[in-house]
PDB file of N, CA and C in Angstrom:
ATOM      1  N   MET A   1     -88.164 148.575 -55.210  1.00  0.00           N
ATOM      2  CA  MET A   1     -86.794 148.568 -54.729  1.00  0.00           C
ATOM      3  C   MET A   1     -86.559 149.740 -53.792  1.00  0.00           C
ATOM      4  N   LYS A   2     -86.163 149.451 -52.559  1.00  0.00           N
ATOM      5  CA  LYS A   2     -85.824 150.501 -51.630  1.00  0.00           C
ATOM      6  C   LYS A   2     -84.299 150.596 -51.470  1.00  0.00           C
ATOM      7  N   ARG A   3     -83.841 151.834 -51.339  1.00  0.00           N
ATOM      8  CA  ARG A   3     -82.430 152.019 -51.104  1.00  0.00           C
ATOM      9  C   ARG A   3     -82.171 153.412 -50.587  1.00  0.00           C
ATOM     10  N   LYS A   4     -80.988 153.622 -50.010  1.00  0.00           N
ATOM     11  CA  LYS A   4     -80.597 154.958 -49.526  1.00  0.00           C
ATOM     12  C   LYS A   4     -79.598 155.520 -50.483  1.00  0.00           C
ATOM     13  N   ILE A   5     -79.677 156.836 -50.689  1.00  0.00           N
ATOM     14  CA  ILE A   5     -78.668 157.543 -51.461  1.00  0.00           C
ATOM     15  C   ILE A   5     -78.365 158.862 -50.796  1.00  0.00           C
ATOM     16  N   SER A   6     -77.103 159.171 -50.719  1.00  0.00           N
ATOM     17  CA  SER A   6     -76.661 160.381 -50.055  1.00  0.00           C
ATOM     18  C   SER A   6     -76.218 161.426 -51.097  1.00  0.00           C
ATOM     19  N   PHE A   7     -76.376 162.702 -50.720  1.00  0.00           N
ATOM     20  CA  PHE A   7     -75.974 163.828 -51.540  1.00  0.00           C
ATOM     21  C   PHE A   7     -75.137 164.763 -50.623  1.00  0.00           C
ATOM     22  N   TYR A   8     -74.141 165.380 -51.195  1.00  0.00           N
ATOM     23  CA  TYR A   8     -73.336 166.284 -50.416  1.00  0.00           C
ATOM     24  C   TYR A   8     -73.111 167.600 -51.181  1.00  0.00           C
ATOM     25  N   LYS A   9     -72.913 168.644 -50.408  1.00  0.00           N
ATOM     26  CA  LYS A   9     -72.692 169.993 -50.955  1.00  0.00           C
ATOM     27  C   LYS A   9     -71.212 170.279 -50.946  1.00  0.00           C
ATOM     28  N   ASP A  10     -70.683 170.643 -52.097  1.00  0.00           N
ATOM     29  CA  ASP A  10     -69.283 171.088 -52.229  1.00  0.00           C
ATOM     30  C   ASP A  10     -69.316 172.497 -52.781  1.00  0.00           C
ATOM     31  N   GLY A  11     -68.982 173.505 -51.954  1.00  0.00           N
ATOM     32  CA  GLY A  11     -69.164 174.866 -52.334  1.00  0.00           C
ATOM     33  C   GLY A  11     -70.637 175.194 -52.445  1.00  0.00           C
ATOM     34  N   ASN A  12     -71.039 175.568 -53.621  1.00  0.00           N
ATOM     35  CA  ASN A  12     -72.473 175.871 -53.860  1.00  0.00           C
ATOM     36  C   ASN A  12     -73.169 174.781 -54.673  1.00  0.00           C
ATOM     37  N   GLU A  13     -72.465 173.669 -54.923  1.00  0.00           N
ATOM     38  CA  GLU A  13     -73.010 172.629 -55.799  1.00  0.00           C
ATOM     39  C   GLU A  13     -73.316 171.371 -55.026  1.00  0.00           C
ATOM     40  N   TRP A  14     -74.351 170.678 -55.404  1.00  0.00           N
ATOM     41  CA  TRP A  14     -74.755 169.401 -54.817  1.00  0.00           C
ATOM     42  C   TRP A  14     -74.347 168.258 -55.732  1.00  0.00           C
ATOM     43  N   TYR A  15     -73.911 167.173 -55.114  1.00  0.00           N
ATOM     44  CA  TYR A  15     -73.485 165.974 -55.826  1.00  0.00           C
ATOM     45  C   TYR A  15     -74.124 164.762 -55.219  1.00  0.00           C
ATOM     46  N   ALA A  16     -74.475 163.804 -56.028  1.00  0.00           N
ATOM     47  CA  ALA A  16     -74.905 162.513 -55.555  1.00  0.00           C
ATOM     48  C   ALA A  16     -73.625 161.751 -55.117  1.00  0.00           C
ATOM     49  N   ASP A  17     -73.725 160.989 -54.058  1.00  0.00           N
ATOM     50  CA  ASP A  17     -72.627 160.199 -53.596  1.00  0.00           C
ATOM     51  C   ASP A  17     -72.817 158.760 -54.119  1.00  0.00           C
ATOM     52  N   VAL A  18     -72.497 158.582 -55.389  1.00  0.00           N
ATOM     53  CA  VAL A  18     -72.689 157.272 -56.063  1.00  0.00           C
ATOM     54  C   VAL A  18     -71.309 156.695 -56.412  1.00  0.00           C
ATOM     55  N   PRO A  19     -70.940 155.589 -55.784  1.00  0.00           N
ATOM     56  CA  PRO A  19     -69.629 155.020 -56.039  1.00  0.00           C
ATOM     57  C   PRO A  19     -69.410 154.642 -57.482  1.00  0.00           C
ATOM     58  N   PHE A  20     -68.205 154.718 -57.935  1.00  0.00           N
ATOM     59  CA  PHE A  20     -67.790 154.272 -59.281  1.00  0.00           C
ATOM     60  C   PHE A  20     -68.289 155.194 -60.378  1.00  0.00           C
ATOM     61  N   ILE A  21     -68.913 156.288 -60.046  1.00  0.00           N
ATOM     62  CA  ILE A  21     -69.348 157.282 -61.037  1.00  0.00           C
ATOM     63  C   ILE A  21     -68.510 158.538 -60.809  1.00  0.00           C
ATOM     64  N   PRO A  22     -67.899 159.093 -61.857  1.00  0.00           N
ATOM     65  CA  PRO A  22     -67.057 160.287 -61.713  1.00  0.00           C
ATOM     66  C   PRO A  22     -67.866 161.431 -61.097  1.00  0.00           C
ATOM     67  N   LYS A  23     -67.202 162.217 -60.231  1.00  0.00           N
ATOM     68  CA  LYS A  23     -67.809 163.317 -59.516  1.00  0.00           C
ATOM     69  C   LYS A  23     -68.607 164.258 -60.472  1.00  0.00           C
ATOM     70  N   ALA A  24     -68.015 164.551 -61.634  1.00  0.00           N
ATOM     71  CA  ALA A  24     -68.697 165.445 -62.578  1.00  0.00           C
ATOM     72  C   ALA A  24     -70.033 164.899 -63.060  1.00  0.00           C
ATOM     73  N   ASN A  25     -70.151 163.590 -63.146  1.00  0.00           N
ATOM     74  CA  ASN A  25     -71.379 162.961 -63.569  1.00  0.00           C
ATOM     75  C   ASN A  25     -72.432 162.923 -62.463  1.00  0.00           C
ATOM     76  N   ASN A  26     -71.960 163.129 -61.224  1.00  0.00           N
ATOM     77  CA  ASN A  26     -72.880 163.164 -60.075  1.00  0.00           C
ATOM     78  C   ASN A  26     -73.385 164.536 -59.688  1.00  0.00           C
ATOM     79  N   LEU A  27     -72.996 165.543 -60.470  1.00  0.00           N
ATOM     80  CA  LEU A  27     -73.456 166.897 -60.198  1.00  0.00           C
ATOM     81  C   LEU A  27     -74.959 166.987 -60.371  1.00  0.00           C
ATOM     82  N   MET A  28     -75.624 167.554 -59.386  1.00  0.00           N
ATOM     83  CA  MET A  28     -77.084 167.715 -59.432  1.00  0.00           C
ATOM     84  C   MET A  28     -77.396 169.056 -60.081  1.00  0.00           C
ATOM     85  N   VAL A  29     -78.157 169.031 -61.128  1.00  0.00           N
ATOM     86  CA  VAL A  29     -78.527 170.235 -61.878  1.00  0.00           C
ATOM     87  C   VAL A  29     -80.012 170.260 -62.229  1.00  0.00           C
ATOM     88  N   ALA A  30     -80.433 171.319 -62.902  1.00  0.00           N
ATOM     89  CA  ALA A  30     -81.765 171.404 -63.484  1.00  0.00           C
ATOM     90  C   ALA A  30     -82.908 171.118 -62.479  1.00  0.00           C
ATOM     91  N   GLY A  31     -82.809 171.756 -61.353  1.00  0.00           N
ATOM     92  CA  GLY A  31     -83.846 171.661 -60.324  1.00  0.00           C
ATOM     93  C   GLY A  31     -83.563 170.652 -59.231  1.00  0.00           C
ATOM     94  N   ALA A  32     -82.793 169.611 -59.503  1.00  0.00           N
ATOM     95  CA  ALA A  32     -82.390 168.665 -58.444  1.00  0.00           C
ATOM     96  C   ALA A  32     -81.555 169.321 -57.378  1.00  0.00           C
ATOM     97  N   ASP A  33     -80.695 170.249 -57.830  1.00  0.00           N
ATOM     98  CA  ASP A  33     -79.855 171.007 -56.911  1.00  0.00           C
ATOM     99  C   ASP A  33     -80.673 171.928 -55.994  1.00  0.00           C
ATOM    100  N   THR A  34     -81.627 172.625 -56.551  1.00  0.00           N
ATOM    101  CA  THR A  34     -82.455 173.507 -55.747  1.00  0.00           C
ATOM    102  C   THR A  34     -83.408 172.713 -54.853  1.00  0.00           C
ATOM    103  N   PHE A  35     -83.859 171.555 -55.284  1.00  0.00           N
ATOM    104  CA  PHE A  35     -84.679 170.723 -54.439  1.00  0.00           C
ATOM    105  C   PHE A  35     -83.894 170.301 -53.189  1.00  0.00           C
ATOM    106  N   LEU A  36     -82.645 169.827 -53.401  1.00  0.00           N
ATOM    107  CA  LEU A  36     -81.774 169.440 -52.271  1.00  0.00           C
ATOM    108  C   LEU A  36     -81.524 170.594 -51.356  1.00  0.00           C
ATOM    109  N   GLU A  37     -81.264 171.779 -51.927  1.00  0.00           N
ATOM    110  CA  GLU A  37     -81.031 172.956 -51.105  1.00  0.00           C
ATOM    111  C   GLU A  37     -82.255 173.277 -50.281  1.00  0.00           C
ATOM    112  N   ASP A  38     -83.429 173.151 -50.841  1.00  0.00           N
ATOM    113  CA  ASP A  38     -84.698 173.442 -50.141  1.00  0.00           C
ATOM    114  C   ASP A  38     -84.901 172.499 -48.962  1.00  0.00           C
ATOM    115  N   ILE A  39     -84.639 171.189 -49.183  1.00  0.00           N
ATOM    116  CA  ILE A  39     -84.950 170.243 -48.105  1.00  0.00           C
ATOM    117  C   ILE A  39     -83.784 170.050 -47.109  1.00  0.00           C
ATOM    118  N   SER A  40     -82.614 170.640 -47.401  1.00  0.00           N
ATOM    119  CA  SER A  40     -81.455 170.393 -46.562  1.00  0.00           C
ATOM    120  C   SER A  40     -81.447 171.193 -45.260  1.00  0.00           C
ATOM    121  N   ASN A  41     -82.258 172.241 -45.165  1.00  0.00           N
ATOM    122  CA  ASN A  41     -82.295 173.084 -43.984  1.00  0.00           C
ATOM    123  C   ASN A  41     -80.899 173.518 -43.546  1.00  0.00           C
ATOM    124  N   GLY A  42     -80.055 173.858 -44.535  1.00  0.00           N
ATOM    125  CA  GLY A  42     -78.710 174.367 -44.234  1.00  0.00           C
ATOM    126  C   GLY A  42     -77.660 173.279 -44.062  1.00  0.00           C
ATOM    127  N   SER A  43     -78.068 172.036 -44.048  1.00  0.00           N
ATOM    128  CA  SER A  43     -77.071 170.934 -43.890  1.00  0.00           C
ATOM    129  C   SER A  43     -76.285 170.764 -45.146  1.00  0.00           C
ATOM    130  N   GLU A  44     -75.128 170.159 -45.060  1.00  0.00           N
ATOM    131  CA  GLU A  44     -74.281 169.959 -46.241  1.00  0.00           C
ATOM    132  C   GLU A  44     -74.300 168.543 -46.743  1.00  0.00           C
ATOM    133  N   ARG A  45     -75.047 167.676 -46.072  1.00  0.00           N
ATOM    134  CA  ARG A  45     -75.288 166.300 -46.491  1.00  0.00           C
ATOM    135  C   ARG A  45     -76.709 165.863 -46.238  1.00  0.00           C
ATOM    136  N   VAL A  46     -77.301 165.268 -47.236  1.00  0.00           N
ATOM    137  CA  VAL A  46     -78.676 164.804 -47.160  1.00  0.00           C
ATOM    138  C   VAL A  46     -78.707 163.310 -47.629  1.00  0.00           C
ATOM    139  N   THR A  47     -79.342 162.458 -46.828  1.00  0.00           N
ATOM    140  CA  THR A  47     -79.482 161.074 -47.206  1.00  0.00           C
ATOM    141  C   THR A  47     -80.965 160.808 -47.392  1.00  0.00           C
ATOM    142  N   LEU A  48     -81.355 160.278 -48.538  1.00  0.00           N
ATOM    143  CA  LEU A  48     -82.757 159.988 -48.827  1.00  0.00           C
ATOM    144  C   LEU A  48     -82.982 158.482 -48.871  1.00  0.00           C
ATOM    145  N   LYS A  49     -84.016 158.006 -48.213  1.00  0.00           N
ATOM    146  CA  LYS A  49     -84.435 156.613 -48.408  1.00  0.00           C
ATOM    147  C   LYS A  49     -85.483 156.692 -49.490  1.00  0.00           C
ATOM    148  N   ILE A  50     -85.189 156.005 -50.640  1.00  0.00           N
ATOM    149  CA  ILE A  50     -86.121 156.078 -51.753  1.00  0.00           C
ATOM    150  C   ILE A  50     -86.697 154.726 -52.103  1.00  0.00           C
ATOM    151  N   VAL A  51     -87.811 154.736 -52.754  1.00  0.00           N
ATOM    152  CA  VAL A  51     -88.419 153.528 -53.271  1.00  0.00           C
ATOM    153  C   VAL A  51     -88.836 153.819 -54.714  1.00  0.00           C
ATOM    154  N   SER A  52     -88.410 152.935 -55.591  1.00  0.00           N
ATOM    155  CA  SER A  52     -88.748 153.029 -56.986  1.00  0.00           C
ATOM    156  C   SER A  52     -90.134 152.487 -57.252  1.00  0.00           C
ATOM    157  N   ASN A  53     -90.921 153.238 -57.995  1.00  0.00           N
ATOM    158  CA  ASN A  53     -92.294 152.839 -58.325  1.00  0.00           C
ATOM    159  C   ASN A  53     -93.100 152.375 -57.108  1.00  0.00           C
ATOM    160  N   PRO A  54     -93.243 153.259 -56.140  1.00  0.00           N
ATOM    161  CA  PRO A  54     -93.943 152.852 -54.882  1.00  0.00           C
ATOM    162  C   PRO A  54     -95.403 152.493 -55.152  1.00  0.00           C
ATOM    163  N   SER A  55     -95.902 151.623 -54.313  1.00  0.00           N
ATOM    164  CA  SER A  55     -97.323 151.299 -54.350  1.00  0.00           C
ATOM    165  C   SER A  55     -98.118 152.456 -53.767  1.00  0.00           C
ATOM    166  N   ALA A  56     -99.425 152.418 -53.905  1.00  0.00           N
ATOM    167  CA  ALA A  56    -100.267 153.488 -53.361  1.00  0.00           C
ATOM    168  C   ALA A  56    -100.082 153.554 -51.859  1.00  0.00           C
ATOM    169  N   LYS A  57     -99.916 152.393 -51.197  1.00  0.00           N
ATOM    170  CA  LYS A  57     -99.719 152.369 -49.735  1.00  0.00           C
ATOM    171  C   LYS A  57     -98.366 153.071 -49.377  1.00  0.00           C
ATOM    172  N   ASP A  58     -97.310 152.770 -50.140  1.00  0.00           N
ATOM    173  CA  ASP A  58     -96.049 153.351 -49.897  1.00  0.00           C
ATOM    174  C   ASP A  58     -96.076 154.890 -50.105  1.00  0.00           C
ATOM    175  N   ILE A  59     -96.812 155.342 -51.120  1.00  0.00           N
ATOM    176  CA  ILE A  59     -96.911 156.779 -51.407  1.00  0.00           C
ATOM    177  C   ILE A  59     -97.484 157.505 -50.212  1.00  0.00           C
ATOM    178  N   GLU A  60     -98.440 156.888 -49.530  1.00  0.00           N
ATOM    179  CA  GLU A  60     -99.066 157.537 -48.371  1.00  0.00           C
ATOM    180  C   GLU A  60     -98.055 157.855 -47.277  1.00  0.00           C
ATOM    181  N   GLY A  61     -96.981 157.087 -47.183  1.00  0.00           N
ATOM    182  CA  GLY A  61     -95.997 157.320 -46.149  1.00  0.00           C
ATOM    183  C   GLY A  61     -94.793 158.141 -46.622  1.00  0.00           C
ATOM    184  N   CYS A  62     -94.809 158.627 -47.852  1.00  0.00           N
ATOM    185  CA  CYS A  62     -93.654 159.360 -48.397  1.00  0.00           C
ATOM    186  C   CYS A  62     -93.640 160.801 -47.920  1.00  0.00           C
ATOM    187  N   ASP A  63     -92.418 161.300 -47.657  1.00  0.00           N
ATOM    188  CA  ASP A  63     -92.233 162.729 -47.382  1.00  0.00           C
ATOM    189  C   ASP A  63     -92.369 163.513 -48.668  1.00  0.00           C
ATOM    190  N   TYR A  64     -91.841 162.940 -49.772  1.00  0.00           N
ATOM    191  CA  TYR A  64     -91.946 163.545 -51.099  1.00  0.00           C
ATOM    192  C   TYR A  64     -92.181 162.420 -52.102  1.00  0.00           C
ATOM    193  N   TYR A  65     -92.802 162.807 -53.221  1.00  0.00           N
ATOM    194  CA  TYR A  65     -93.154 161.885 -54.253  1.00  0.00           C
ATOM    195  C   TYR A  65     -92.822 162.502 -55.573  1.00  0.00           C
ATOM    196  N   LEU A  66     -92.053 161.809 -56.435  1.00  0.00           N
ATOM    197  CA  LEU A  66     -91.673 162.295 -57.751  1.00  0.00           C
ATOM    198  C   LEU A  66     -92.413 161.518 -58.829  1.00  0.00           C
ATOM    199  N   LYS A  67     -92.985 162.202 -59.731  1.00  0.00           N
ATOM    200  CA  LYS A  67     -93.745 161.573 -60.857  1.00  0.00           C
ATOM    201  C   LYS A  67     -93.123 162.019 -62.179  1.00  0.00           C
ATOM    202  N   MET A  68     -92.687 161.047 -62.989  1.00  0.00           N
ATOM    203  CA  MET A  68     -92.076 161.369 -64.253  1.00  0.00           C
ATOM    204  C   MET A  68     -93.064 162.019 -65.228  1.00  0.00           C
ATOM    205  N   THR A  69     -92.621 163.060 -65.860  1.00  0.00           N
ATOM    206  CA  THR A  69     -93.443 163.752 -66.849  1.00  0.00           C
ATOM    207  C   THR A  69     -92.855 163.648 -68.232  1.00  0.00           C
ATOM    208  N   LYS A  70     -91.535 163.370 -68.320  1.00  0.00           N
ATOM    209  CA  LYS A  70     -90.861 163.261 -69.608  1.00  0.00           C
ATOM    210  C   LYS A  70     -89.619 162.393 -69.453  1.00  0.00           C
ATOM    211  N   HIS A  71     -89.339 161.627 -70.457  1.00  0.00           N
ATOM    212  CA  HIS A  71     -88.120 160.815 -70.468  1.00  0.00           C
ATOM    213  C   HIS A  71     -87.549 160.808 -71.902  1.00  0.00           C
ATOM    214  N   ASP A  72     -86.223 160.954 -72.001  1.00  0.00           N
ATOM    215  CA  ASP A  72     -85.562 160.898 -73.297  1.00  0.00           C
ATOM    216  C   ASP A  72     -84.190 160.226 -73.118  1.00  0.00           C
ATOM    217  N   PHE A  73     -83.397 160.282 -74.142  1.00  0.00           N
ATOM    218  CA  PHE A  73     -82.095 159.664 -74.164  1.00  0.00           C
ATOM    219  C   PHE A  73     -81.205 160.162 -73.017  1.00  0.00           C
ATOM    220  N   TRP A  74     -81.355 161.438 -72.607  1.00  0.00           N
ATOM    221  CA  TRP A  74     -80.437 162.080 -71.647  1.00  0.00           C
ATOM    222  C   TRP A  74     -80.924 161.942 -70.205  1.00  0.00           C
ATOM    223  N   GLY A  75     -82.184 161.683 -69.926  1.00  0.00           N
ATOM    224  CA  GLY A  75     -82.631 161.589 -68.576  1.00  0.00           C
ATOM    225  C   GLY A  75     -84.174 161.675 -68.425  1.00  0.00           C
ATOM    226  N   GLY A  76     -84.608 161.978 -67.226  1.00  0.00           N
ATOM    227  CA  GLY A  76     -86.020 162.076 -66.936  1.00  0.00           C
ATOM    228  C   GLY A  76     -86.391 163.317 -66.170  1.00  0.00           C
ATOM    229  N   THR A  77     -87.522 163.925 -66.516  1.00  0.00           N
ATOM    230  CA  THR A  77     -88.050 165.100 -65.812  1.00  0.00           C
ATOM    231  C   THR A  77     -89.157 164.619 -64.865  1.00  0.00           C
ATOM    232  N   TYR A  78     -89.152 165.163 -63.670  1.00  0.00           N
ATOM    233  CA  TYR A  78     -90.117 164.747 -62.652  1.00  0.00           C
ATOM    234  C   TYR A  78     -90.775 165.960 -61.987  1.00  0.00           C
ATOM    235  N   ASP A  79     -92.043 165.840 -61.721  1.00  0.00           N
ATOM    236  CA  ASP A  79     -92.730 166.798 -60.817  1.00  0.00           C
ATOM    237  C   ASP A  79     -92.590 166.246 -59.427  1.00  0.00           C
ATOM    238  N   VAL A  80     -92.354 167.132 -58.436  1.00  0.00           N
ATOM    239  CA  VAL A  80     -92.136 166.761 -57.049  1.00  0.00           C
ATOM    240  C   VAL A  80     -93.323 167.199 -56.242  1.00  0.00           C
ATOM    241  N   TYR A  81     -93.889 166.299 -55.485  1.00  0.00           N
ATOM    242  CA  TYR A  81     -95.045 166.601 -54.631  1.00  0.00           C
ATOM    243  C   TYR A  81     -94.605 166.441 -53.157  1.00  0.00           C
ATOM    244  N   ASP A  82     -95.087 167.320 -52.329  1.00  0.00           N
ATOM    245  CA  ASP A  82     -94.802 167.291 -50.896  1.00  0.00           C
ATOM    246  C   ASP A  82     -95.921 166.602 -50.178  1.00  0.00           C
ATOM    247  N   GLY A  83     -95.673 165.432 -49.633  1.00  0.00           N
ATOM    248  CA  GLY A  83     -96.734 164.709 -48.939  1.00  0.00           C
ATOM    249  C   GLY A  83     -97.928 164.395 -49.835  1.00  0.00           C
ATOM    250  N   TYR A  84     -99.075 164.937 -49.483  1.00  0.00           N
ATOM    251  CA  TYR A  84    -100.293 164.640 -50.218  1.00  0.00           C
ATOM    252  C   TYR A  84    -100.745 165.788 -51.120  1.00  0.00           C
ATOM    253  N   SER A  85     -99.849 166.743 -51.410  1.00  0.00           N
ATOM    254  CA  SER A  85    -100.215 167.855 -52.276  1.00  0.00           C
ATOM    255  C   SER A  85    -100.694 167.370 -53.644  1.00  0.00           C
ATOM    256  N   LYS A  86    -101.675 168.014 -54.127  1.00  0.00           N
ATOM    257  CA  LYS A  86    -102.201 167.687 -55.467  1.00  0.00           C
ATOM    258  C   LYS A  86    -101.421 168.471 -56.539  1.00  0.00           C
ATOM    259  N   GLU A  87    -100.846 169.582 -56.183  1.00  0.00           N
ATOM    260  CA  GLU A  87    -100.074 170.421 -57.101  1.00  0.00           C
ATOM    261  C   GLU A  87     -98.578 170.214 -56.874  1.00  0.00           C
ATOM    262  N   PRO A  88     -97.793 170.069 -57.957  1.00  0.00           N
ATOM    263  CA  PRO A  88     -96.326 169.882 -57.728  1.00  0.00           C
ATOM    264  C   PRO A  88     -95.718 171.146 -57.120  1.00  0.00           C
ATOM    265  N   MET A  89     -94.770 170.910 -56.235  1.00  0.00           N
ATOM    266  CA  MET A  89     -94.055 172.020 -55.586  1.00  0.00           C
ATOM    267  C   MET A  89     -92.781 172.349 -56.311  1.00  0.00           C
ATOM    268  N   HIS A  90     -92.369 171.486 -57.210  1.00  0.00           N
ATOM    269  CA  HIS A  90     -91.058 171.654 -57.846  1.00  0.00           C
ATOM    270  C   HIS A  90     -90.991 170.746 -59.063  1.00  0.00           C
ATOM    271  N   THR A  91     -90.131 171.077 -60.007  1.00  0.00           N
ATOM    272  CA  THR A  91     -89.850 170.212 -61.148  1.00  0.00           C
ATOM    273  C   THR A  91     -88.298 170.056 -61.167  1.00  0.00           C
ATOM    274  N   LEU A  92     -87.859 168.800 -61.443  1.00  0.00           N
ATOM    275  CA  LEU A  92     -86.438 168.553 -61.494  1.00  0.00           C
ATOM    276  C   LEU A  92     -86.149 167.521 -62.577  1.00  0.00           C
ATOM    277  N   TRP A  93     -84.893 167.457 -62.948  1.00  0.00           N
ATOM    278  CA  TRP A  93     -84.400 166.535 -63.983  1.00  0.00           C
ATOM    279  C   TRP A  93     -83.344 165.655 -63.389  1.00  0.00           C
ATOM    280  N   LEU A  94     -83.395 164.343 -63.691  1.00  0.00           N
ATOM    281  CA  LEU A  94     -82.410 163.410 -63.187  1.00  0.00           C
ATOM    282  C   LEU A  94     -81.738 162.742 -64.440  1.00  0.00           C
ATOM    283  N   CYS A  95     -80.409 162.748 -64.434  1.00  0.00           N
ATOM    284  CA  CYS A  95     -79.647 162.168 -65.531  1.00  0.00           C
ATOM    285  C   CYS A  95     -79.684 160.633 -65.450  1.00  0.00           C
ATOM    286  N   ASN A  96     -78.954 160.033 -66.379  1.00  0.00           N
ATOM    287  CA  ASN A  96     -78.959 158.545 -66.489  1.00  0.00           C
ATOM    288  C   ASN A  96     -78.175 157.857 -65.392  1.00  0.00           C
ATOM    289  N   VAL A  97     -77.540 158.584 -64.467  1.00  0.00           N
ATOM    290  CA  VAL A  97     -76.941 157.929 -63.273  1.00  0.00           C
ATOM    291  C   VAL A  97     -78.100 157.260 -62.493  1.00  0.00           C
ATOM    292  N   THR A  98     -79.302 157.751 -62.679  1.00  0.00           N
ATOM    293  CA  THR A  98     -80.481 157.159 -62.039  1.00  0.00           C
ATOM    294  C   THR A  98     -80.591 155.641 -62.421  1.00  0.00           C
ATOM    295  N   HIS A  99     -80.143 155.285 -63.611  1.00  0.00           N
ATOM    296  CA  HIS A  99     -80.179 153.861 -64.051  1.00  0.00           C
ATOM    297  C   HIS A  99     -79.292 153.056 -63.106  1.00  0.00           C
ATOM    298  N   PHE A 100     -78.156 153.600 -62.690  1.00  0.00           N
ATOM    299  CA  PHE A 100     -77.228 152.884 -61.818  1.00  0.00           C
ATOM    300  C   PHE A 100     -77.854 152.701 -60.434  1.00  0.00           C
ATOM    301  N   VAL A 101     -78.565 153.752 -59.979  1.00  0.00           N
ATOM    302  CA  VAL A 101     -79.174 153.719 -58.651  1.00  0.00           C
ATOM    303  C   VAL A 101     -80.445 152.929 -58.585  1.00  0.00           C
ATOM    304  N   CYS A 102     -81.320 153.109 -59.573  1.00  0.00           N
ATOM    305  CA  CYS A 102     -82.661 152.513 -59.576  1.00  0.00           C
ATOM    306  C   CYS A 102     -82.831 151.372 -60.588  1.00  0.00           C
ATOM    307  N   GLY A 103     -81.883 151.143 -61.470  1.00  0.00           N
ATOM    308  CA  GLY A 103     -82.013 150.141 -62.523  1.00  0.00           C
ATOM    309  C   GLY A 103     -82.542 150.722 -63.785  1.00  0.00           C
ATOM    310  N   ARG A 104     -83.216 151.873 -63.698  1.00  0.00           N
ATOM    311  CA  ARG A 104     -83.770 152.597 -64.863  1.00  0.00           C
ATOM    312  C   ARG A 104     -84.382 153.886 -64.318  1.00  0.00           C
ATOM    313  N   HIS A 105     -85.019 154.652 -65.194  1.00  0.00           N
ATOM    314  CA  HIS A 105     -85.787 155.829 -64.674  1.00  0.00           C
ATOM    315  C   HIS A 105     -87.177 155.335 -64.315  1.00  0.00           C
ATOM    316  N   PRO A 106     -87.481 155.223 -63.028  1.00  0.00           N
ATOM    317  CA  PRO A 106     -88.790 154.785 -62.628  1.00  0.00           C
ATOM    318  C   PRO A 106     -89.872 155.829 -62.970  1.00  0.00           C
ATOM    319  N   SER A 107     -91.057 155.426 -63.198  1.00  0.00           N
ATOM    320  CA  SER A 107     -92.129 156.409 -63.486  1.00  0.00           C
ATOM    321  C   SER A 107     -92.474 157.131 -62.214  1.00  0.00           C
ATOM    322  N   ARG A 108     -92.240 156.568 -61.050  1.00  0.00           N
ATOM    323  CA  ARG A 108     -92.513 157.240 -59.735  1.00  0.00           C
ATOM    324  C   ARG A 108     -91.347 156.908 -58.836  1.00  0.00           C
ATOM    325  N   ILE A 109     -91.003 157.875 -58.021  1.00  0.00           N
ATOM    326  CA  ILE A 109     -89.987 157.710 -56.990  1.00  0.00           C
ATOM    327  C   ILE A 109     -90.546 158.285 -55.660  1.00  0.00           C
ATOM    328  N   GLY A 110     -90.577 157.464 -54.659  1.00  0.00           N
ATOM    329  CA  GLY A 110     -91.004 157.913 -53.325  1.00  0.00           C
ATOM    330  C   GLY A 110     -89.817 158.194 -52.442  1.00  0.00           C
ATOM    331  N   ILE A 111     -89.858 159.273 -51.733  1.00  0.00           N
ATOM    332  CA  ILE A 111     -88.803 159.563 -50.758  1.00  0.00           C
ATOM    333  C   ILE A 111     -89.459 159.348 -49.402  1.00  0.00           C
ATOM    334  N   LEU A 112     -89.026 158.288 -48.746  1.00  0.00           N
ATOM    335  CA  LEU A 112     -89.631 157.856 -47.472  1.00  0.00           C
ATOM    336  C   LEU A 112     -89.026 158.528 -46.259  1.00  0.00           C
ATOM    337  N   ASN A 113     -87.808 159.011 -46.370  1.00  0.00           N
ATOM    338  CA  ASN A 113     -87.145 159.560 -45.205  1.00  0.00           C
ATOM    339  C   ASN A 113     -86.055 160.515 -45.673  1.00  0.00           C
ATOM    340  N   VAL A 114     -85.885 161.611 -44.956  1.00  0.00           N
ATOM    341  CA  VAL A 114     -84.794 162.573 -45.243  1.00  0.00           C
ATOM    342  C   VAL A 114     -83.985 162.715 -43.973  1.00  0.00           C
ATOM    343  N   GLU A 115     -82.710 162.397 -44.099  1.00  0.00           N
ATOM    344  CA  GLU A 115     -81.761 162.536 -42.976  1.00  0.00           C
ATOM    345  C   GLU A 115     -80.750 163.637 -43.386  1.00  0.00           C
ATOM    346  N   MET A 116     -80.423 164.545 -42.438  1.00  0.00           N
ATOM    347  CA  MET A 116     -79.500 165.626 -42.700  1.00  0.00           C
ATOM    348  C   MET A 116     -78.324 165.569 -41.723  1.00  0.00           C
ATOM    349  N   SER A 117     -77.167 165.967 -42.221  1.00  0.00           N
ATOM    350  CA  SER A 117     -75.966 166.037 -41.388  1.00  0.00           C
ATOM    351  C   SER A 117     -74.973 166.998 -42.010  1.00  0.00           C
ATOM    352  N   ASN A 118     -73.973 167.365 -41.229  1.00  0.00           N
ATOM    353  CA  ASN A 118     -72.902 168.223 -41.773  1.00  0.00           C
ATOM    354  C   ASN A 118     -71.588 167.465 -41.803  1.00  0.00           C
TER     355      ASN A 118
END
């Protein structure tokens, strides 16, 4: 499943722009916020084209690749890889709003494109 999701910065905090979910539940925390800060290049809005459980071919074209390392009642922890890196560059946690966006917590998430704007 491919889809676009946008994130925006309000003050020093990043939020997912997911309709029908309260703003407080869209707050990016536990590494997701610092990941967005790192890839934003100073922009206040980032849109990611993502693919849930990408095929090996799709992974080759990803800017970033997330691999789940842990899942529990509260969410999923992912290691983040940059392109073809064999070592993770970052670890982040995604809450259960991911179920609304992806249908569930996928074992892998590919980020195919990063768009930035203010």
